Amino acid sequence: MPARPVAWVVTMVSDFCQWGPLTIGDAGGMHEDVERCVRAVQSKDARFDGWFFTGVVTTGIYCRPSCPVVPPKPENMRFYPSAAAAQQAGFRACKRCRPDTSPGSPEWNHRADVVARAMRLIADGVVDREGVPGLAARLGYSTRQVERQLNAELGAGPLALARAQRAQTARLLIETTLLPMGDVAFAAGFASIRAFNDTVREVFALTPSALRDRVAKGHPPAGAGVLSLRLPFRAPLCPDNLFGHLAATAVPGVEEWRDGAFRRALRLPHGHGIATLRPQPDHVACTLSLSDLRDLPIAISRCRWMLDLDADPVAVDDLLRTDPVLAPLVDKAPGRRVPRTVDAPEFAVRAVLGQQVSTAAARTHAARLVTAYGDPVEDPGGGLTHLFPTPAALAELDPDSLAFPKTRRTTLMTLVDALAKGEIDLGVGSDWDEARARLSALPGFGPWTVETIAMRALGDPDAFIPGDLGIRAAAAMLELPVTPAALTRRAAQWRPWRAYSVQYLWATLDHAINLLPAN
């Protein structure tokens, strides 16, 4: 972002006393609003972490808004939409607030445009695996168009954004493992040791060895392939429905609740992993056991996506509170998240298995497929036994072996065939409207199945399932319209956060999905 004239900045700052309280529901393009950025920095407002980054011209460092140091003078602040843009402008990451580890911008969760889809794909490691041409091909644009749009909105192109992610991964490996620096470099995705050393020095103003030396005593590094880290989020966060839903619907062998944590087997680009996720008051404690450390950034990204940790709960709850029916539900337990998935094709299969049956029956059907077609994994620390089968593996199953009606067998096999052939894209970079249209064209796919997949696999925050039995029961209890058409009209005022309204409506029911399991 071009530097503002000092006099202009000071003039704007002098008017702050006339401004009302900060709101972040419309924080897209936040870095361009100098007045609000300065106020957020001066108040150390953690809700804005990830929305923008502050470069300090007198020190050459960049920080998150909540940095604990004394705020710089407004005329010395420069604001950037991404860590990559701040790094490209020559700023180094602050050693106190560690801006490279702040929550991700909510913009990439609730938007479905090209830039948002690109950011989700970059976080999932597509640029590292397939390069910028691979990213562009997935988006259906030319490389030049993708680069132009990312630079225009984020101040950095796809290579710079991927580089910033590699730097963050390198820092994590340096500080939490005893891996040789050469192994760290290649696990983080760098093409050479020199590029690794140069990037670490440039971004953190320390050599890799110096970074490792700064690790606090009393925190021994994890063993090879095992890492413990914190997943930050924007407060508030209600863990009850988030972890309760994941635990109540867990597929035996693939997922489990054990010792106060949700555990999950992950299928990753270079191997497999096991994630252990434990809710804490100010973060989610995450332990990752990976067969290949190159999968670290992808594993972190998918765990964050599954737990909806980059959401903006203040914006969501503020809008839903405007409805007097939902306001008491929001006030009772604010910060509900939408439980998602780490594997979209898997969830689509599970959605079909869950059509018109109980949660327990759906788990049983899924467990049978896992045992017969899943890939075995070892889990010395728990009871996970398999990865969920891929669509290609499920395409080989005999429909007559499925213990449910013939029409649903046809639905399942048609879906599996379309996924195996790549005819339907449900990945993080998919086009939500196109995915909905292709799913709706399949036999046996009604609004409930399509919107359930849109909500939990595609991550559309406005997905809505008015025909769901639980939603209809909640609507009746709250004296809302109960027919799908009437409830959809009533829910128009909850847009674009209707998927979150579903979580609050479900919370009125006596069901295990709303309860944090006992340890």
Protein backbone atom coordinates (compact mmCIF):
# COMPACT_ATOMS: atom_id res chain seq x y z
CA MET A 1 0.00 0.00 0.00
CA PRO A 2 1.40 3.44 -0.85
CA ALA A 3 2.51 5.45 2.16
CA ARG A 4 0.04 8.12 3.27
CA PRO A 5 1.29 11.66 3.78
CA VAL A 6 2.14 12.18 7.44
CA ALA A 7 -0.08 15.24 7.74
CA TRP A 8 -3.04 13.29 6.34
CA VAL A 9 -2.56 10.45 8.83
CA VAL A 10 -2.24 12.83 11.80
CA THR A 11 -5.36 14.70 10.74
CA MET A 12 -7.35 11.49 10.59
CA VAL A 13 -6.02 10.31 13.96
CA SER A 14 -7.06 13.58 15.56
CA ASP A 15 -10.67 12.80 14.65
CA PHE A 16 -10.79 9.43 16.42
CA CYS A 17 -12.69 10.81 19.39
CA GLN A 18 -15.68 11.26 17.07
CA TRP A 19 -15.73 7.62 15.99
CA GLY A 20 -17.90 4.95 17.54
CA PRO A 21 -16.71 1.51 18.73
CA LEU A 22 -14.79 -0.72 16.38
CA THR A 23 -16.77 -3.19 14.33
CA ILE A 24 -15.30 -5.88 12.16
CA GLY A 25 -18.25 -7.29 10.29
CA ASP A 26 -17.24 -5.39 7.15
CA ALA A 27 -13.49 -5.61 7.58
CA GLY A 28 -12.77 -6.63 4.02
CA GLY A 29 -10.15 -4.22 2.68
CA MET A 30 -9.35 -3.34 6.28
CA HIS A 31 -5.75 -2.39 5.50
CA GLU A 32 -7.00 0.44 3.28
CA ASP A 33 -8.89 2.08 6.16
CA VAL A 34 -6.01 3.81 7.92
CA GLU A 35 -8.16 5.28 10.70
CA ARG A 36 -9.58 1.93 11.77
CA CYS A 37 -6.20 0.23 11.49
CA VAL A 38 -4.57 2.81 13.74
CA ARG A 39 -7.34 2.47 16.30
CA ALA A 40 -7.05 -1.31 16.25
CA VAL A 41 -3.28 -1.11 16.82
CA GLN A 42 -3.58 1.48 19.58
CA SER A 43 -6.19 -0.63 21.40
CA LYS A 44 -4.23 -3.88 20.79
CA ASP A 45 -7.44 -5.44 19.49
CA ALA A 46 -6.75 -9.15 18.92
CA ARG A 47 -9.94 -9.52 16.88
CA PHE A 48 -8.12 -7.85 13.99
CA ASP A 49 -5.18 -10.28 13.99
CA GLY A 50 -5.01 -11.73 10.49
CA TRP A 51 -7.16 -9.00 8.96
CA PHE A 52 -4.11 -6.80 8.35
CA PHE A 53 -0.46 -6.38 9.36
CA THR A 54 1.34 -3.27 10.56
CA GLY A 55 4.77 -2.34 9.22
CA VAL A 56 6.74 0.06 11.41
CA VAL A 57 9.06 2.20 9.29
CA THR A 58 11.35 3.19 12.18
CA THR A 59 12.16 -0.41 13.15
CA GLY A 60 11.70 -2.30 9.88
CA ILE A 61 9.44 -4.91 11.49
CA TYR A 62 5.82 -5.89 10.94
CA CYS A 63 3.38 -6.89 13.67
CA ARG A 64 -0.11 -8.13 14.28
CA PRO A 65 -2.55 -5.49 15.65
CA SER A 66 -2.45 -6.99 19.15
CA CYS A 67 1.35 -6.77 19.50
CA PRO A 68 2.14 -6.19 23.22
CA VAL A 69 4.82 -3.53 22.60
CA VAL A 70 4.09 0.20 22.88
CA PRO A 71 2.24 1.18 19.67
CA PRO A 72 4.31 3.25 17.22
CA LYS A 73 3.32 6.73 16.18
CA PRO A 74 0.58 6.72 13.54
CA GLU A 75 2.81 8.42 10.99
CA ASN A 76 5.26 5.49 11.28
CA MET A 77 2.66 2.83 10.57
CA ARG A 78 2.10 1.18 7.19
CA PHE A 79 -0.69 -1.35 6.72
CA TYR A 80 -0.65 -4.48 4.56
CA PRO A 81 -3.31 -7.07 3.70
CA SER A 82 -1.00 -10.06 4.12
CA ALA A 83 2.23 -11.11 5.79
CA ALA A 84 3.64 -11.75 2.31
CA ALA A 85 2.98 -8.14 1.29
CA ALA A 86 4.71 -6.85 4.42
CA GLN A 87 7.69 -9.08 3.73
CA GLN A 88 7.86 -7.93 0.11
CA ALA A 89 7.91 -4.34 1.36
CA GLY A 90 11.08 -5.16 3.31
CA PHE A 91 9.66 -5.64 6.82
CA ARG A 92 10.74 -8.46 9.14
CA ALA A 93 8.44 -10.42 11.44
CA CYS A 94 8.22 -9.17 15.03
CA LYS A 95 9.85 -11.51 17.54
CA ARG A 96 7.31 -10.62 20.24
CA CYS A 97 3.92 -11.03 18.59
CA ARG A 98 4.94 -13.51 15.86
CA PRO A 99 2.57 -12.13 13.20
CA ASP A 100 3.26 -15.09 10.93
CA THR A 101 1.29 -17.29 13.37
CA SER A 102 -1.83 -15.13 13.73
CA PRO A 103 -5.24 -16.53 12.74
CA GLY A 104 -5.94 -16.47 9.02
CA SER A 105 -8.16 -13.85 7.48
CA PRO A 106 -11.87 -14.73 7.61
CA GLU A 107 -12.14 -13.35 4.08
CA TRP A 108 -10.89 -16.63 2.62
CA ASN A 109 -13.56 -18.63 4.45
CA HIS A 110 -16.73 -16.76 3.60
CA ARG A 111 -15.94 -15.63 0.06
CA ALA A 112 -16.23 -17.71 -3.10
CA ASP A 113 -14.49 -15.47 -5.62
CA VAL A 114 -11.23 -16.28 -7.39
CA VAL A 115 -8.96 -14.62 -4.82
CA ALA A 116 -10.57 -16.46 -1.91
CA ARG A 117 -10.44 -19.78 -3.75
CA ALA A 118 -6.79 -19.14 -4.61
CA MET A 119 -5.92 -18.41 -0.98
CA ARG A 120 -7.56 -21.61 0.21
CA LEU A 121 -5.64 -23.59 -2.40
CA ILE A 122 -2.33 -21.92 -1.52
CA ALA A 123 -2.92 -22.77 2.15
CA ASP A 124 -3.52 -26.37 1.06
CA GLY A 125 -0.09 -26.44 -0.59
CA VAL A 126 -1.11 -26.40 -4.26
CA VAL A 127 1.58 -23.91 -5.33
CA ASP A 128 4.31 -25.97 -3.64
CA ARG A 129 3.10 -29.17 -5.31
CA GLU A 130 1.91 -27.95 -8.71
CA GLY A 131 3.35 -24.45 -9.12
CA VAL A 132 1.46 -21.34 -10.18
CA PRO A 133 0.30 -22.99 -13.45
CA GLY A 134 -1.32 -25.75 -11.37
CA LEU A 135 -3.06 -23.17 -9.21
CA ALA A 136 -4.33 -21.30 -12.26
CA ALA A 137 -5.56 -24.51 -13.90
CA ARG A 138 -7.59 -25.42 -10.83
CA LEU A 139 -9.17 -21.97 -10.84
CA GLY A 140 -9.84 -21.96 -14.57
CA TYR A 141 -7.83 -18.78 -15.18
CA SER A 142 -4.51 -17.93 -16.78
CA THR A 143 -1.46 -17.54 -14.56
CA ARG A 144 -1.32 -13.86 -15.47
CA GLN A 145 -4.93 -13.29 -14.39
CA VAL A 146 -4.39 -15.06 -11.06
CA GLU A 147 -1.20 -13.13 -10.33
CA ARG A 148 -2.84 -9.83 -11.23
CA GLN A 149 -5.86 -10.41 -8.99
CA LEU A 150 -3.80 -11.58 -6.01
CA ASN A 151 -1.38 -8.66 -6.32
CA ALA A 152 -4.26 -6.18 -6.60
CA GLU A 153 -5.99 -7.39 -3.42
CA LEU A 154 -3.19 -8.83 -1.30
CA GLY A 155 -0.13 -6.92 -2.41
CA ALA A 156 1.67 -10.18 -3.26
CA GLY A 157 1.51 -12.86 -5.92
CA PRO A 158 1.03 -16.60 -5.42
CA LEU A 159 4.77 -17.34 -5.17
CA ALA A 160 5.25 -14.72 -2.44
CA LEU A 161 2.21 -15.99 -0.54
CA ALA A 162 3.46 -19.56 -0.73
CA ARG A 163 6.92 -18.40 0.35
CA ALA A 164 5.45 -16.75 3.45
CA GLN A 165 3.74 -20.02 4.30
CA ARG A 166 7.00 -21.93 3.84
CA ALA A 167 8.74 -19.50 6.18
CA GLN A 168 6.10 -20.11 8.85
CA THR A 169 6.45 -23.89 8.44
CA ALA A 170 10.23 -23.63 8.66
CA ARG A 171 9.99 -21.63 11.87
CA LEU A 172 7.70 -24.23 13.42
CA LEU A 173 10.02 -27.10 12.50
CA ILE A 174 13.11 -25.22 13.69
CA GLU A 175 11.58 -24.41 17.06
CA THR A 176 9.77 -27.67 17.82
CA THR A 177 12.03 -30.41 16.44
CA LEU A 178 15.67 -31.46 16.43
CA LEU A 179 15.67 -32.13 12.70
CA PRO A 180 18.87 -31.16 10.87
CA MET A 181 18.43 -27.83 9.09
CA GLY A 182 18.71 -29.50 5.70
CA ASP A 183 15.75 -31.73 6.53
CA VAL A 184 13.82 -28.72 7.82
CA ALA A 185 14.45 -26.85 4.58
CA PHE A 186 13.07 -29.57 2.33
CA ALA A 187 10.22 -30.49 4.69
CA ALA A 188 9.12 -26.85 4.64
CA GLY A 189 9.07 -26.88 0.84
CA PHE A 190 12.25 -24.97 -0.03
CA ALA A 191 14.08 -26.01 -3.19
CA SER A 192 17.52 -25.43 -1.71
CA ILE A 193 19.35 -24.87 1.58
CA ARG A 194 20.43 -21.45 0.35
CA ALA A 195 16.84 -20.35 -0.33
CA PHE A 196 15.87 -21.62 3.12
CA ASN A 197 18.67 -19.73 4.88
CA ASP A 198 18.05 -16.53 2.94
CA THR A 199 14.31 -16.58 3.59
CA VAL A 200 14.61 -17.25 7.31
CA ARG A 201 17.15 -14.45 7.74
CA GLU A 202 15.06 -12.05 5.67
CA VAL A 203 11.72 -12.79 7.35
CA PHE A 204 12.82 -13.27 10.96
CA ALA A 205 16.13 -11.34 11.07
CA LEU A 206 17.77 -14.43 12.58
CA THR A 207 19.64 -17.40 11.18
CA PRO A 208 17.93 -20.79 11.48
CA SER A 209 20.37 -21.78 14.23
CA ALA A 210 19.65 -18.59 16.16
CA LEU A 211 15.92 -19.24 15.89
CA ARG A 212 16.38 -22.69 17.41
CA ASP A 213 18.56 -21.27 20.20
CA ARG A 214 15.72 -18.94 21.20
CA VAL A 215 13.37 -21.83 22.05
CA ALA A 216 12.44 -21.61 25.72
CA LYS A 217 14.09 -24.06 28.06
CA GLY A 218 11.86 -26.74 29.53
CA HIS A 219 10.11 -27.37 26.22
CA PRO A 220 11.99 -30.28 24.65
CA PRO A 221 11.48 -30.75 20.92
CA ALA A 222 9.19 -33.52 19.77
CA GLY A 223 10.45 -36.71 18.22
CA ALA A 224 10.82 -37.16 14.50
CA GLY A 225 7.52 -36.82 12.70
CA VAL A 226 5.62 -35.64 15.82
CA LEU A 227 4.92 -31.96 16.45
CA SER A 228 2.97 -30.11 19.12
CA LEU A 229 1.66 -26.64 18.35
CA ARG A 230 -1.07 -24.17 19.15
CA LEU A 231 -3.83 -23.32 16.72
CA PRO A 232 -4.95 -19.74 17.43
CA PHE A 233 -8.48 -18.48 16.90
CA ARG A 234 -10.53 -15.33 17.32
CA ALA A 235 -12.47 -15.31 20.55
CA PRO A 236 -15.05 -16.26 21.51
CA LEU A 237 -15.13 -19.94 20.64
CA CYS A 238 -17.76 -22.36 21.91
CA PRO A 239 -16.16 -25.83 21.83
CA ASP A 240 -19.34 -27.72 22.76
CA ASN A 241 -21.02 -28.02 19.38
CA LEU A 242 -17.74 -28.02 17.47
CA PHE A 243 -16.04 -30.93 19.19
CA GLY A 244 -19.35 -32.45 20.27
CA HIS A 245 -20.49 -32.77 16.67
CA LEU A 246 -17.19 -34.21 15.47
CA ALA A 247 -17.13 -36.74 18.32
CA ALA A 248 -20.79 -37.75 18.05
CA THR A 249 -20.50 -38.44 14.32
CA ALA A 250 -17.00 -39.94 14.41
CA VAL A 251 -16.43 -42.92 12.11
CA PRO A 252 -14.87 -45.77 14.13
CA GLY A 253 -11.30 -46.45 13.06
CA VAL A 254 -10.92 -43.05 11.37
CA GLU A 255 -11.96 -40.70 14.18
CA GLU A 256 -12.30 -40.92 17.95
CA TRP A 257 -12.67 -38.90 21.14
CA ARG A 258 -9.96 -39.91 23.61
CA ASP A 259 -8.66 -38.26 26.79
CA GLY A 260 -10.34 -34.94 26.14
CA ALA A 261 -9.27 -34.67 22.50
CA PHE A 262 -10.68 -35.34 19.06
CA ARG A 263 -8.35 -37.56 17.08
CA ARG A 264 -8.46 -38.06 13.33
CA ALA A 265 -6.51 -39.98 10.66
CA LEU A 266 -5.48 -37.72 7.77
CA ARG A 267 -4.85 -38.63 4.15
CA LEU A 268 -2.17 -36.19 2.95
CA PRO A 269 -0.34 -35.56 -0.35
CA HIS A 270 2.91 -37.27 0.68
CA GLY A 271 1.62 -39.82 3.18
CA HIS A 272 -0.70 -39.95 6.14
CA GLY A 273 -0.95 -38.41 9.57
CA ILE A 274 -2.85 -38.45 12.84
CA ALA A 275 -4.10 -35.21 14.38
CA THR A 276 -4.96 -34.88 18.05
CA LEU A 277 -6.94 -31.71 18.76
CA ARG A 278 -7.73 -30.59 22.30
CA PRO A 279 -9.75 -27.41 23.05
CA GLN A 280 -8.14 -24.91 25.42
CA PRO A 281 -9.45 -21.52 26.60
CA ASP A 282 -7.30 -19.45 24.22
CA HIS A 283 -6.17 -21.95 21.57
CA VAL A 284 -6.60 -25.48 20.29
CA ALA A 285 -3.70 -27.72 21.27
CA CYS A 286 -2.67 -29.75 18.24
CA THR A 287 -0.36 -32.75 18.06
CA LEU A 288 0.48 -34.04 14.61
CA SER A 289 2.10 -37.37 13.86
CA LEU A 290 3.15 -37.35 10.22
CA SER A 291 4.70 -39.98 8.01
CA ASP A 292 6.25 -37.18 5.90
CA LEU A 293 7.02 -33.75 7.35
CA ARG A 294 6.45 -32.11 3.97
CA ASP A 295 2.76 -32.48 4.80
CA LEU A 296 2.98 -30.25 7.88
CA PRO A 297 1.52 -27.01 6.42
CA ILE A 298 -1.27 -28.92 4.68
CA ALA A 299 -2.13 -30.83 7.86
CA ILE A 300 -2.29 -27.59 9.86
CA SER A 301 -4.41 -25.91 7.21
CA ARG A 302 -6.87 -28.79 7.08
CA CYS A 303 -7.20 -28.97 10.86
CA ARG A 304 -7.91 -25.24 10.99
CA TRP A 305 -10.46 -25.61 8.20
CA MET A 306 -12.18 -28.53 9.96
CA LEU A 307 -12.50 -26.53 13.19
CA ASP A 308 -13.45 -23.28 11.40
CA LEU A 309 -10.76 -21.45 13.37
CA ASP A 310 -10.37 -18.53 10.96
CA ALA A 311 -14.00 -17.47 11.41
CA ASP A 312 -14.99 -13.99 12.56
CA PRO A 313 -17.35 -14.88 15.46
CA VAL A 314 -18.01 -11.26 16.42
CA ALA A 315 -19.35 -10.40 12.97
CA VAL A 316 -21.42 -13.60 12.84
CA ASP A 317 -22.92 -13.23 16.29
CA ASP A 318 -23.59 -9.51 15.94
CA LEU A 319 -25.71 -10.11 12.86
CA LEU A 320 -27.59 -13.10 14.30
CA ARG A 321 -28.31 -11.13 17.49
CA THR A 322 -30.37 -8.68 15.44
CA ASP A 323 -33.05 -11.38 15.33
CA PRO A 324 -34.85 -11.43 18.71
CA VAL A 325 -35.44 -15.17 18.33
CA LEU A 326 -31.76 -16.02 17.91
CA ALA A 327 -30.36 -13.36 20.27
CA PRO A 328 -30.88 -15.41 23.48
CA LEU A 329 -29.25 -18.46 21.87
CA VAL A 330 -26.23 -16.42 20.80
CA ASP A 331 -25.90 -14.73 24.19
CA LYS A 332 -26.06 -18.10 25.97
CA ALA A 333 -23.07 -19.60 24.12
CA PRO A 334 -21.45 -17.17 21.65
CA GLY A 335 -18.77 -18.16 19.19
CA ARG A 336 -20.24 -21.33 17.74
CA ARG A 337 -18.32 -22.64 14.75
CA VAL A 338 -19.38 -24.82 11.82
CA PRO A 339 -17.76 -28.28 12.14
CA ARG A 340 -16.26 -29.07 8.75
CA THR A 341 -14.16 -31.87 7.32
CA VAL A 342 -10.55 -32.55 6.31
CA ASP A 343 -11.67 -34.61 3.30
CA ALA A 344 -14.52 -33.28 1.16
CA PRO A 345 -15.11 -36.42 -0.98
CA GLU A 346 -15.21 -38.49 2.21
CA PHE A 347 -17.83 -36.22 3.71
CA ALA A 348 -19.96 -36.37 0.56
CA VAL A 349 -19.99 -40.17 0.84
CA ARG A 350 -20.88 -39.94 4.51
CA ALA A 351 -23.71 -37.50 3.75
CA VAL A 352 -25.27 -40.08 1.45
CA LEU A 353 -24.81 -42.78 4.07
CA GLY A 354 -26.62 -40.52 6.54
CA GLN A 355 -29.71 -39.97 4.39
CA GLN A 356 -32.87 -40.76 6.39
CA VAL A 357 -31.06 -42.75 9.08
CA SER A 358 -29.86 -42.06 12.61
CA THR A 359 -26.38 -40.82 13.46
CA ALA A 360 -25.52 -44.24 14.88
CA ALA A 361 -26.67 -46.04 11.72
CA ALA A 362 -24.66 -43.68 9.51
CA ARG A 363 -21.55 -44.36 11.59
CA THR A 364 -22.10 -48.10 11.28
CA HIS A 365 -22.42 -47.95 7.49
CA ALA A 366 -19.30 -45.81 7.22
CA ALA A 367 -17.31 -48.09 9.53
CA ARG A 368 -18.07 -51.09 7.32
CA LEU A 369 -16.73 -49.28 4.26
CA VAL A 370 -13.63 -48.23 6.21
CA THR A 371 -12.87 -51.78 7.32
CA ALA A 372 -13.36 -53.21 3.84
CA TYR A 373 -11.78 -50.52 1.65
CA GLY A 374 -9.77 -48.14 3.85
CA ASP A 375 -5.98 -48.05 4.02
CA PRO A 376 -4.59 -49.37 7.35
CA VAL A 377 -2.59 -47.04 9.61
CA GLU A 378 -0.76 -47.58 12.87
CA ASP A 379 -1.76 -45.56 15.91
CA PRO A 380 0.29 -46.45 19.01
CA GLY A 381 -1.38 -43.65 20.96
CA GLY A 382 -5.00 -44.60 20.34
CA GLY A 383 -7.57 -46.60 18.46
CA LEU A 384 -7.35 -45.29 14.91
CA THR A 385 -6.90 -48.07 12.37
CA HIS A 386 -7.63 -46.78 8.85
CA LEU A 387 -7.78 -43.88 6.46
CA PHE A 388 -11.22 -43.38 4.96
CA PRO A 389 -11.33 -45.07 1.52
CA THR A 390 -10.79 -42.95 -1.57
CA PRO A 391 -13.49 -42.63 -4.25
CA ALA A 392 -11.30 -44.81 -6.51
CA ALA A 393 -11.27 -47.56 -3.89
CA LEU A 394 -15.02 -47.29 -3.28
CA ALA A 395 -15.67 -47.50 -7.02
CA GLU A 396 -14.62 -51.15 -6.78
CA LEU A 397 -17.21 -52.15 -4.19
CA ASP A 398 -20.14 -54.44 -4.95
CA PRO A 399 -23.39 -52.46 -4.52
CA ASP A 400 -25.22 -55.63 -3.47
CA SER A 401 -23.00 -55.80 -0.39
CA LEU A 402 -24.41 -52.52 0.92
CA ALA A 403 -26.99 -52.97 3.66
CA PHE A 404 -29.39 -50.24 2.62
CA PRO A 405 -32.11 -49.65 -0.02
CA LYS A 406 -31.37 -50.05 -3.71
CA THR A 407 -32.12 -46.40 -4.49
CA ARG A 408 -29.51 -45.24 -1.99
CA ARG A 409 -27.00 -47.75 -3.38
CA THR A 410 -27.50 -46.12 -6.77
CA THR A 411 -27.06 -42.68 -5.24
CA LEU A 412 -23.83 -43.71 -3.53
CA MET A 413 -22.31 -45.45 -6.53
CA THR A 414 -23.19 -42.56 -8.86
CA LEU A 415 -21.51 -40.12 -6.49
CA VAL A 416 -18.44 -42.30 -6.08
CA ASP A 417 -18.09 -42.69 -9.83
CA ALA A 418 -18.36 -38.92 -10.41
CA LEU A 419 -15.78 -38.19 -7.70
CA ALA A 420 -13.39 -40.87 -8.96
CA LYS A 421 -13.56 -39.47 -12.49
CA GLY A 422 -13.04 -35.89 -11.31
CA GLU A 423 -16.43 -34.79 -12.62
CA ILE A 424 -17.24 -33.06 -9.33
CA ASP A 425 -14.75 -30.84 -7.49
CA LEU A 426 -15.47 -30.46 -3.78
CA GLY A 427 -12.00 -29.25 -2.77
CA VAL A 428 -11.18 -26.05 -0.89
CA GLY A 429 -10.71 -24.17 -4.16
CA SER A 430 -13.91 -25.36 -5.77
CA ASP A 431 -16.63 -23.14 -7.21
CA TRP A 432 -19.50 -23.50 -4.73
CA ASP A 433 -22.27 -22.81 -7.25
CA GLU A 434 -20.88 -25.27 -9.79
CA ALA A 435 -20.41 -27.94 -7.12
CA ARG A 436 -24.01 -27.50 -5.98
CA ALA A 437 -25.28 -27.78 -9.55
CA ARG A 438 -23.31 -30.96 -10.26
CA LEU A 439 -24.40 -32.57 -7.00
CA SER A 440 -28.04 -31.66 -7.62
CA ALA A 441 -27.88 -33.40 -10.99
CA LEU A 442 -27.07 -36.75 -9.35
CA PRO A 443 -29.91 -39.18 -8.58
CA GLY A 444 -31.00 -39.14 -4.96
CA PHE A 445 -29.47 -35.73 -4.20
CA GLY A 446 -32.06 -33.44 -2.71
CA PRO A 447 -31.66 -30.07 -0.96
CA TRP A 448 -30.73 -31.64 2.41
CA THR A 449 -27.79 -33.61 1.01
CA VAL A 450 -26.55 -30.81 -1.24
CA GLU A 451 -26.70 -28.13 1.46
CA THR A 452 -25.19 -30.39 4.11
CA ILE A 453 -22.21 -30.96 1.81
CA ALA A 454 -22.08 -27.25 1.00
CA MET A 455 -22.00 -26.37 4.70
CA ARG A 456 -19.50 -28.91 6.00
CA ALA A 457 -17.39 -29.89 2.97
CA LEU A 458 -17.39 -26.82 0.73
CA GLY A 459 -17.39 -24.49 3.75
CA ASP A 460 -20.10 -22.13 2.47
CA PRO A 461 -21.07 -20.03 5.53
CA ASP A 462 -24.49 -19.33 4.04
CA ALA A 463 -25.51 -22.96 3.44
CA PHE A 464 -28.91 -23.69 4.96
CA ILE A 465 -30.87 -26.91 5.53
CA PRO A 466 -34.47 -25.93 6.38
CA GLY A 467 -35.71 -29.47 5.70
CA ASP A 468 -33.46 -31.02 8.37
CA LEU A 469 -35.53 -32.73 11.08
CA GLY A 470 -33.50 -31.09 13.83
CA ILE A 471 -33.93 -27.65 12.30
CA ARG A 472 -37.68 -28.15 11.94
CA ALA A 473 -37.94 -29.29 15.56
CA ALA A 474 -35.97 -26.26 16.72
CA ALA A 475 -38.09 -23.96 14.58
CA ALA A 476 -41.27 -25.33 16.11
CA MET A 477 -39.85 -24.91 19.62
CA LEU A 478 -38.91 -21.28 18.89
CA GLU A 479 -42.20 -20.55 17.09
CA LEU A 480 -40.46 -20.00 13.76
CA PRO A 481 -41.98 -21.20 10.47
CA VAL A 482 -41.53 -24.95 10.10
CA THR A 483 -42.04 -25.51 6.38
CA PRO A 484 -38.80 -25.31 4.37
CA ALA A 485 -40.04 -22.54 2.08
CA ALA A 486 -41.38 -20.36 4.90
CA LEU A 487 -38.31 -20.90 7.10
CA THR A 488 -36.01 -20.04 4.18
CA ARG A 489 -37.86 -16.75 3.73
CA ARG A 490 -37.61 -16.06 7.47
CA ALA A 491 -33.89 -16.90 7.45
CA ALA A 492 -33.09 -14.33 4.76
CA GLN A 493 -32.19 -11.84 7.50
CA TRP A 494 -29.51 -14.26 8.78
CA ARG A 495 -27.54 -14.10 5.54
CA PRO A 496 -24.63 -14.51 4.85
CA TRP A 497 -24.23 -16.56 8.04
CA ARG A 498 -27.07 -19.08 7.81
CA ALA A 499 -24.71 -22.04 8.36
CA TYR A 500 -23.97 -20.55 11.79
CA SER A 501 -27.67 -20.06 12.47
CA VAL A 502 -28.00 -23.82 11.92
CA GLN A 503 -25.54 -24.41 14.77
CA TYR A 504 -27.53 -22.17 17.11
CA LEU A 505 -30.82 -23.82 16.15
CA TRP A 506 -29.39 -27.30 16.66
CA ALA A 507 -28.17 -26.15 20.09
CA THR A 508 -31.78 -26.06 21.32
CA LEU A 509 -32.03 -29.84 20.95
CA ASP A 510 -31.10 -32.54 23.44
CA HIS A 511 -28.54 -34.29 21.26
CA ALA A 512 -24.96 -35.47 21.68
CA ILE A 513 -23.75 -33.15 18.90
CA ASN A 514 -24.25 -30.23 21.28
CA LEU A 515 -22.23 -31.63 24.17
CA LEU A 516 -18.49 -31.69 24.73
CA PRO A 517 -17.87 -35.37 25.49
CA ALA A 518 -16.73 -36.39 28.95
CA ASN A 519 -13.06 -37.31 29.18
